[in-house]
Amino acid sequence: MKRLAGVALCLLLIVGCKSADSRITDLEKKNVDLTERVKNLETHLLEAQKKQVALQLALQDINGRVKEVQTDFDKIRYAQNR
């Protein structure tokens, strides 16, 4: 009887270890998947930030041109009023 209880306990431990190994493997797979997703998100974020910088530079250039046109217009208007 003691031997049967010992064998049953050993079997339970083996099954429990295999179950834990399976869970660890699943967690490792999920970790790899999440790591890839984060990497992709970081790549997309970097691309978006680069586009944002390019758009901001273009906007600054446009604003500079608008100011030049306003200055030229003001000069013409001032010359006409003389």
PDB file of N, CA and C in Angstrom:
ATOM      1  N   MET A   1       0.825  -1.195   0.000  1.00  0.00           N
ATOM      2  CA  MET A   1       0.000   0.000   0.000  1.00  0.00           C
ATOM      3  C   MET A   1       0.869   1.258   0.000  1.00  0.00           C
ATOM      4  N   LYS A   2       1.931   1.221   0.844  1.00  0.00           N
ATOM      5  CA  LYS A   2       2.817   2.380   0.878  1.00  0.00           C
ATOM      6  C   LYS A   2       3.507   2.576  -0.467  1.00  0.00           C
ATOM      7  N   ARG A   3       3.855   1.438  -1.064  1.00  0.00           N
ATOM      8  CA  ARG A   3       4.527   1.521  -2.359  1.00  0.00           C
ATOM      9  C   ARG A   3       3.581   2.112  -3.417  1.00  0.00           C
ATOM     10  N   LEU A   4       2.325   1.734  -3.405  1.00  0.00           N
ATOM     11  CA  LEU A   4       1.334   2.248  -4.345  1.00  0.00           C
ATOM     12  C   LEU A   4       1.146   3.756  -4.137  1.00  0.00           C
ATOM     13  N   ALA A   5       1.112   4.172  -2.878  1.00  0.00           N
ATOM     14  CA  ALA A   5       0.968   5.606  -2.586  1.00  0.00           C
ATOM     15  C   ALA A   5       2.190   6.370  -3.076  1.00  0.00           C
ATOM     16  N   GLY A   6       3.368   5.789  -2.906  1.00  0.00           N
ATOM     17  CA  GLY A   6       4.606   6.431  -3.382  1.00  0.00           C
ATOM     18  C   GLY A   6       4.638   6.547  -4.894  1.00  0.00           C
ATOM     19  N   VAL A   7       4.225   5.493  -5.583  1.00  0.00           N
ATOM     20  CA  VAL A   7       4.181   5.517  -7.049  1.00  0.00           C
ATOM     21  C   VAL A   7       3.162   6.548  -7.524  1.00  0.00           C
ATOM     22  N   ALA A   8       2.003   6.590  -6.871  1.00  0.00           N
ATOM     23  CA  ALA A   8       0.963   7.558  -7.247  1.00  0.00           C
ATOM     24  C   ALA A   8       1.467   8.989  -7.033  1.00  0.00           C
ATOM     25  N   LEU A   9       2.170   9.209  -5.944  1.00  0.00           N
ATOM     26  CA  LEU A   9       2.719  10.542  -5.668  1.00  0.00           C
ATOM     27  C   LEU A   9       3.747  10.922  -6.725  1.00  0.00           C
ATOM     28  N   CYS A  10       4.594   9.986  -7.094  1.00  0.00           N
ATOM     29  CA  CYS A  10       5.585  10.248  -8.140  1.00  0.00           C
ATOM     30  C   CYS A  10       4.908  10.579  -9.468  1.00  0.00           C
ATOM     31  N   LEU A  11       3.865   9.843  -9.795  1.00  0.00           N
ATOM     32  CA  LEU A  11       3.142  10.113 -11.040  1.00  0.00           C
ATOM     33  C   LEU A  11       2.505  11.501 -11.029  1.00  0.00           C
ATOM     34  N   LEU A  12       1.947  11.873  -9.889  1.00  0.00           N
ATOM     35  CA  LEU A  12       1.355  13.210  -9.767  1.00  0.00           C
ATOM     36  C   LEU A  12       2.411  14.297  -9.936  1.00  0.00           C
ATOM     37  N   LEU A  13       3.566  14.097  -9.358  1.00  0.00           N
ATOM     38  CA  LEU A  13       4.655  15.069  -9.494  1.00  0.00           C
ATOM     39  C   LEU A  13       5.124  15.181 -10.944  1.00  0.00           C
ATOM     40  N   ILE A  14       5.240  14.029 -11.615  1.00  0.00           N
ATOM     41  CA  ILE A  14       5.673  14.038 -13.023  1.00  0.00           C
ATOM     42  C   ILE A  14       4.656  14.773 -13.890  1.00  0.00           C
ATOM     43  N   VAL A  15       3.380  14.461 -13.699  1.00  0.00           N
ATOM     44  CA  VAL A  15       2.318  15.123 -14.466  1.00  0.00           C
ATOM     45  C   VAL A  15       2.306  16.618 -14.168  1.00  0.00           C
ATOM     46  N   GLY A  16       2.484  16.973 -12.899  1.00  0.00           N
ATOM     47  CA  GLY A  16       2.519  18.387 -12.511  1.00  0.00           C
ATOM     48  C   GLY A  16       3.683  19.113 -13.157  1.00  0.00           C
ATOM     49  N   CYS A  17       4.842  18.469 -13.218  1.00  0.00           N
ATOM     50  CA  CYS A  17       6.022  19.087 -13.842  1.00  0.00           C
ATOM     51  C   CYS A  17       5.812  19.283 -15.336  1.00  0.00           C
ATOM     52  N   LYS A  18       5.212  18.283 -15.994  1.00  0.00           N
ATOM     53  CA  LYS A  18       4.954  18.415 -17.426  1.00  0.00           C
ATOM     54  C   LYS A  18       3.965  19.541 -17.690  1.00  0.00           C
ATOM     55  N   SER A  19       2.982  19.655 -16.828  1.00  0.00           N
ATOM     56  CA  SER A  19       2.004  20.719 -16.963  1.00  0.00           C
ATOM     57  C   SER A  19       2.668  22.077 -16.780  1.00  0.00           C
ATOM     58  N   ALA A  20       3.556  22.180 -15.810  1.00  0.00           N
ATOM     59  CA  ALA A  20       4.276  23.436 -15.578  1.00  0.00           C
ATOM     60  C   ALA A  20       5.184  23.753 -16.758  1.00  0.00           C
ATOM     61  N   ASP A  21       5.839  22.726 -17.312  1.00  0.00           N
ATOM     62  CA  ASP A  21       6.688  22.938 -18.490  1.00  0.00           C
ATOM     63  C   ASP A  21       5.868  23.465 -19.659  1.00  0.00           C
ATOM     64  N   SER A  22       4.679  22.906 -19.813  1.00  0.00           N
ATOM     65  CA  SER A  22       3.795  23.358 -20.885  1.00  0.00           C
ATOM     66  C   SER A  22       3.409  24.818 -20.691  1.00  0.00           C
ATOM     67  N   ARG A  23       3.110  25.190 -19.470  1.00  0.00           N
ATOM     68  CA  ARG A  23       2.753  26.582 -19.175  1.00  0.00           C
ATOM     69  C   ARG A  23       3.934  27.503 -19.429  1.00  0.00           C
ATOM     70  N   ILE A  24       5.120  27.049 -19.034  1.00  0.00           N
ATOM     71  CA  ILE A  24       6.324  27.870 -19.259  1.00  0.00           C
ATOM     72  C   ILE A  24       6.561  28.063 -20.750  1.00  0.00           C
ATOM     73  N   THR A  25       6.389  26.991 -21.521  1.00  0.00           N
ATOM     74  CA  THR A  25       6.554  27.082 -22.968  1.00  0.00           C
ATOM     75  C   THR A  25       5.543  28.050 -23.566  1.00  0.00           C
ATOM     76  N   ASP A  26       4.303  27.974 -23.119  1.00  0.00           N
ATOM     77  CA  ASP A  26       3.267  28.901 -23.599  1.00  0.00           C
ATOM     78  C   ASP A  26       3.629  30.342 -23.246  1.00  0.00           C
ATOM     79  N   LEU A  27       4.103  30.555 -22.040  1.00  0.00           N
ATOM     80  CA  LEU A  27       4.485  31.909 -21.633  1.00  0.00           C
ATOM     81  C   LEU A  27       5.664  32.422 -22.450  1.00  0.00           C
ATOM     82  N   GLU A  28       6.613  31.542 -22.747  1.00  0.00           N
ATOM     83  CA  GLU A  28       7.754  31.950 -23.572  1.00  0.00           C
ATOM     84  C   GLU A  28       7.296  32.344 -24.972  1.00  0.00           C
ATOM     85  N   LYS A  29       6.355  31.585 -25.542  1.00  0.00           N
ATOM     86  CA  LYS A  29       5.818  31.916 -26.864  1.00  0.00           C
ATOM     87  C   LYS A  29       5.105  33.260 -26.832  1.00  0.00           C
ATOM     88  N   LYS A  30       4.323  33.485 -25.792  1.00  0.00           N
ATOM     89  CA  LYS A  30       3.618  34.758 -25.665  1.00  0.00           C
ATOM     90  C   LYS A  30       4.599  35.906 -25.494  1.00  0.00           C
ATOM     91  N   ASN A  31       5.666  35.659 -24.758  1.00  0.00           N
ATOM     92  CA  ASN A  31       6.679  36.688 -24.557  1.00  0.00           C
ATOM     93  C   ASN A  31       7.348  37.069 -25.880  1.00  0.00           C
ATOM     94  N   VAL A  32       7.681  36.059 -26.685  1.00  0.00           N
ATOM     95  CA  VAL A  32       8.286  36.316 -27.995  1.00  0.00           C
ATOM     96  C   VAL A  32       7.320  37.105 -28.874  1.00  0.00           C
ATOM     97  N   ASP A  33       6.045  36.702 -28.867  1.00  0.00           N
ATOM     98  CA  ASP A  33       5.031  37.396 -29.666  1.00  0.00           C
ATOM     99  C   ASP A  33       4.898  38.852 -29.226  1.00  0.00           C
ATOM    100  N   LEU A  34       4.812  39.074 -27.934  1.00  0.00           N
ATOM    101  CA  LEU A  34       4.679  40.443 -27.433  1.00  0.00           C
ATOM    102  C   LEU A  34       5.921  41.275 -27.724  1.00  0.00           C
ATOM    103  N   THR A  35       7.087  40.654 -27.640  1.00  0.00           N
ATOM    104  CA  THR A  35       8.325  41.366 -27.954  1.00  0.00           C
ATOM    105  C   THR A  35       8.328  41.819 -29.412  1.00  0.00           C
ATOM    106  N   GLU A  36       7.889  40.952 -30.311  1.00  0.00           N
ATOM    107  CA  GLU A  36       7.803  41.314 -31.729  1.00  0.00           C
ATOM    108  C   GLU A  36       6.802  42.436 -31.957  1.00  0.00           C
ATOM    109  N   ARG A  37       5.672  42.363 -31.276  1.00  0.00           N
ATOM    110  CA  ARG A  37       4.655  43.419 -31.417  1.00  0.00           C
ATOM    111  C   ARG A  37       5.183  44.760 -30.938  1.00  0.00           C
ATOM    112  N   VAL A  38       5.870  44.760 -29.806  1.00  0.00           N
ATOM    113  CA  VAL A  38       6.433  46.007 -29.278  1.00  0.00           C
ATOM    114  C   VAL A  38       7.470  46.569 -30.248  1.00  0.00           C
ATOM    115  N   LYS A  39       8.300  45.701 -30.804  1.00  0.00           N
ATOM    116  CA  LYS A  39       9.312  46.137 -31.766  1.00  0.00           C
ATOM    117  C   LYS A  39       8.649  46.772 -32.981  1.00  0.00           C
ATOM    118  N   ASN A  40       7.582  46.142 -33.489  1.00  0.00           N
ATOM    119  CA  ASN A  40       6.854  46.703 -34.625  1.00  0.00           C
ATOM    120  C   ASN A  40       6.238  48.055 -34.281  1.00  0.00           C
ATOM    121  N   LEU A  41       5.659  48.156 -33.096  1.00  0.00           N
ATOM    122  CA  LEU A  41       5.070  49.424 -32.677  1.00  0.00           C
ATOM    123  C   LEU A  41       6.129  50.516 -32.555  1.00  0.00           C
ATOM    124  N   GLU A  42       7.295  50.165 -32.020  1.00  0.00           N
ATOM    125  CA  GLU A  42       8.375  51.141 -31.904  1.00  0.00           C
ATOM    126  C   GLU A  42       8.861  51.585 -33.278  1.00  0.00           C
ATOM    127  N   THR A  43       8.908  50.649 -34.226  1.00  0.00           N
ATOM    128  CA  THR A  43       9.315  50.990 -35.595  1.00  0.00           C
ATOM    129  C   THR A  43       8.308  51.949 -36.225  1.00  0.00           C
ATOM    130  N   HIS A  44       7.030  51.655 -36.061  1.00  0.00           N
ATOM    131  CA  HIS A  44       5.986  52.532 -36.603  1.00  0.00           C
ATOM    132  C   HIS A  44       6.020  53.904 -35.933  1.00  0.00           C
ATOM    133  N   LEU A  45       6.272  53.929 -34.644  1.00  0.00           N
ATOM    134  CA  LEU A  45       6.361  55.200 -33.927  1.00  0.00           C
ATOM    135  C   LEU A  45       7.519  56.034 -34.455  1.00  0.00           C
ATOM    136  N   LEU A  46       8.667  55.407 -34.672  1.00  0.00           N
ATOM    137  CA  LEU A  46       9.825  56.116 -35.191  1.00  0.00           C
ATOM    138  C   LEU A  46       9.546  56.688 -36.574  1.00  0.00           C
ATOM    139  N   GLU A  47       8.889  55.904 -37.423  1.00  0.00           N
ATOM    140  CA  GLU A  47       8.523  56.381 -38.758  1.00  0.00           C
ATOM    141  C   GLU A  47       7.566  57.569 -38.667  1.00  0.00           C
ATOM    142  N   ALA A  48       6.592  57.489 -37.779  1.00  0.00           N
ATOM    143  CA  ALA A  48       5.631  58.577 -37.606  1.00  0.00           C
ATOM    144  C   ALA A  48       6.324  59.838 -37.094  1.00  0.00           C
ATOM    145  N   GLN A  49       7.271  59.668 -36.188  1.00  0.00           N
ATOM    146  CA  GLN A  49       7.997  60.821 -35.663  1.00  0.00           C
ATOM    147  C   GLN A  49       8.843  61.474 -36.755  1.00  0.00           C
ATOM    148  N   LYS A  50       9.454  60.667 -37.617  1.00  0.00           N
ATOM    149  CA  LYS A  50      10.239  61.220 -38.723  1.00  0.00           C
ATOM    150  C   LYS A  50       9.344  62.015 -39.671  1.00  0.00           C
ATOM    151  N   LYS A  51       8.162  61.465 -39.965  1.00  0.00           N
ATOM    152  CA  LYS A  51       7.217  62.175 -40.828  1.00  0.00           C
ATOM    153  C   LYS A  51       6.768  63.478 -40.177  1.00  0.00           C
ATOM    154  N   GLN A  52       6.538  63.438 -38.864  1.00  0.00           N
ATOM    155  CA  GLN A  52       6.113  64.637 -38.145  1.00  0.00           C
ATOM    156  C   GLN A  52       7.181  65.720 -38.223  1.00  0.00           C
ATOM    157  N   VAL A  53       8.440  65.348 -38.051  1.00  0.00           N
ATOM    158  CA  VAL A  53       9.530  66.320 -38.138  1.00  0.00           C
ATOM    159  C   VAL A  53       9.589  66.920 -39.534  1.00  0.00           C
ATOM    160  N   ALA A  54       9.458  66.072 -40.558  1.00  0.00           N
ATOM    161  CA  ALA A  54       9.485  66.557 -41.942  1.00  0.00           C
ATOM    162  C   ALA A  54       8.336  67.530 -42.198  1.00  0.00           C
ATOM    163  N   LEU A  55       7.151  67.199 -41.691  1.00  0.00           N
ATOM    164  CA  LEU A  55       5.995  68.093 -41.869  1.00  0.00           C
ATOM    165  C   LEU A  55       6.186  69.407 -41.118  1.00  0.00           C
ATOM    166  N   GLN A  56       6.767  69.343 -39.938  1.00  0.00           N
ATOM    167  CA  GLN A  56       7.012  70.571 -39.176  1.00  0.00           C
ATOM    168  C   GLN A  56       8.007  71.473 -39.903  1.00  0.00           C
ATOM    169  N   LEU A  57       9.047  70.876 -40.484  1.00  0.00           N
ATOM    170  CA  LEU A  57      10.020  71.664 -41.241  1.00  0.00           C
ATOM    171  C   LEU A  57       9.367  72.293 -42.464  1.00  0.00           C
ATOM    172  N   ALA A  58       8.520  71.532 -43.147  1.00  0.00           N
ATOM    173  CA  ALA A  58       7.804  72.077 -44.308  1.00  0.00           C
ATOM    174  C   ALA A  58       6.885  73.218 -43.887  1.00  0.00           C
ATOM    175  N   LEU A  59       6.219  73.059 -42.762  1.00  0.00           N
ATOM    176  CA  LEU A  59       5.329  74.114 -42.266  1.00  0.00           C
ATOM    177  C   LEU A  59       6.110  75.378 -41.912  1.00  0.00           C
ATOM    178  N   GLN A  60       7.272  75.210 -41.296  1.00  0.00           N
ATOM    179  CA  GLN A  60       8.116  76.370 -40.984  1.00  0.00           C
ATOM    180  C   GLN A  60       8.539  77.092 -42.261  1.00  0.00           C
ATOM    181  N   ASP A  61       8.876  76.321 -43.290  1.00  0.00           N
ATOM    182  CA  ASP A  61       9.258  76.909 -44.570  1.00  0.00           C
ATOM    183  C   ASP A  61       8.094  77.681 -45.178  1.00  0.00           C
ATOM    184  N   ILE A  62       6.913  77.093 -45.127  1.00  0.00           N
ATOM    185  CA  ILE A  62       5.719  77.767 -45.666  1.00  0.00           C
ATOM    186  C   ILE A  62       5.438  79.045 -44.886  1.00  0.00           C
ATOM    187  N   ASN A  63       5.542  78.991 -43.567  1.00  0.00           N
ATOM    188  CA  ASN A  63       5.308  80.187 -42.755  1.00  0.00           C
ATOM    189  C   ASN A  63       6.310  81.280 -43.092  1.00  0.00           C
ATOM    190  N   GLY A  64       7.556  80.890 -43.335  1.00  0.00           N
ATOM    191  CA  GLY A  64       8.568  81.874 -43.732  1.00  0.00           C
ATOM    192  C   GLY A  64       8.217  82.526 -45.050  1.00  0.00           C
ATOM    193  N   ARG A  65       7.753  81.732 -45.990  1.00  0.00           N
ATOM    194  CA  ARG A  65       7.361  82.275 -47.297  1.00  0.00           C
ATOM    195  C   ARG A  65       6.155  83.199 -47.171  1.00  0.00           C
ATOM    196  N   VAL A  66       5.196  82.823 -46.327  1.00  0.00           N
ATOM    197  CA  VAL A  66       4.011  83.668 -46.121  1.00  0.00           C
ATOM    198  C   VAL A  66       4.431  85.023 -45.549  1.00  0.00           C
ATOM    199  N   LYS A  67       5.352  85.009 -44.608  1.00  0.00           N
ATOM    200  CA  LYS A  67       5.835  86.275 -44.029  1.00  0.00           C
ATOM    201  C   LYS A  67       6.535  87.127 -45.081  1.00  0.00           C
ATOM    202  N   GLU A  68       7.299  86.483 -45.970  1.00  0.00           N
ATOM    203  CA  GLU A  68       7.957  87.232 -47.043  1.00  0.00           C
ATOM    204  C   GLU A  68       6.928  87.878 -47.961  1.00  0.00           C
ATOM    205  N   VAL A  69       5.892  87.121 -48.317  1.00  0.00           N
ATOM    206  CA  VAL A  69       4.840  87.651 -49.185  1.00  0.00           C
ATOM    207  C   VAL A  69       4.112  88.797 -48.486  1.00  0.00           C
ATOM    208  N   GLN A  70       3.832  88.644 -47.190  1.00  0.00           N
ATOM    209  CA  GLN A  70       3.169  89.720 -46.450  1.00  0.00           C
ATOM    210  C   GLN A  70       4.033  90.969 -46.416  1.00  0.00           C
ATOM    211  N   THR A  71       5.326  90.793 -46.218  1.00  0.00           N
ATOM    212  CA  THR A  71       6.241  91.934 -46.210  1.00  0.00           C
ATOM    213  C   THR A  71       6.261  92.608 -47.570  1.00  0.00           C
ATOM    214  N   ASP A  72       6.353  91.840 -48.636  1.00  0.00           N
ATOM    215  CA  ASP A  72       6.341  92.408 -49.985  1.00  0.00           C
ATOM    216  C   ASP A  72       5.027  93.134 -50.258  1.00  0.00           C
ATOM    217  N   PHE A  73       3.915  92.532 -49.842  1.00  0.00           N
ATOM    218  CA  PHE A  73       2.611  93.161 -50.034  1.00  0.00           C
ATOM    219  C   PHE A  73       2.526  94.483 -49.273  1.00  0.00           C
ATOM    220  N   ASP A  74       3.017  94.490 -48.028  1.00  0.00           N
ATOM    221  CA  ASP A  74       3.003  95.716 -47.230  1.00  0.00           C
ATOM    222  C   ASP A  74       3.859  96.800 -47.878  1.00  0.00           C
ATOM    223  N   LYS A  75       4.977  96.425 -48.467  1.00  0.00           N
ATOM    224  CA  LYS A  75       5.854  97.396 -49.140  1.00  0.00           C
ATOM    225  C   LYS A  75       5.129  97.989 -50.340  1.00  0.00           C
ATOM    226  N   ILE A  76       4.461  97.136 -51.118  1.00  0.00           N
ATOM    227  CA  ILE A  76       3.728  97.624 -52.288  1.00  0.00           C
ATOM    228  C   ILE A  76       2.608  98.548 -51.865  1.00  0.00           C
ATOM    229  N   ARG A  77       1.882  98.163 -50.825  1.00  0.00           N
ATOM    230  CA  ARG A  77       0.774  98.993 -50.348  1.00  0.00           C
ATOM    231  C   ARG A  77       1.288 100.327 -49.806  1.00  0.00           C
ATOM    232  N   TYR A  78       2.387 100.315 -49.131  1.00  0.00           N
ATOM    233  CA  TYR A  78       2.979 101.540 -48.577  1.00  0.00           C
ATOM    234  C   TYR A  78       3.415 102.451 -49.721  1.00  0.00           C
ATOM    235  N   ALA A  79       4.016 101.840 -50.771  1.00  0.00           N
ATOM    236  CA  ALA A  79       4.470 102.629 -51.914  1.00  0.00           C
ATOM    237  C   ALA A  79       3.289 103.247 -52.654  1.00  0.00           C
ATOM    238  N   GLN A  80       2.150 102.544 -52.707  1.00  0.00           N
ATOM    239  CA  GLN A  80       0.979 103.085 -53.397  1.00  0.00           C
ATOM    240  C   GLN A  80       0.354 104.227 -52.612  1.00  0.00           C
ATOM    241  N   ASN A  81       0.460 104.215 -51.313  1.00  0.00           N
ATOM    242  CA  ASN A  81      -0.157 105.257 -50.489  1.00  0.00           C
ATOM    243  C   ASN A  81       0.692 106.519 -50.436  1.00  0.00           C
ATOM    244  N   ARG A  82       1.883 106.503 -50.906  1.00  0.00           N
ATOM    245  CA  ARG A  82       2.746 107.693 -50.863  1.00  0.00           C
ATOM    246  C   ARG A  82       2.346 108.694 -51.856  1.00  0.00           C
TER     247      ARG A  82
END
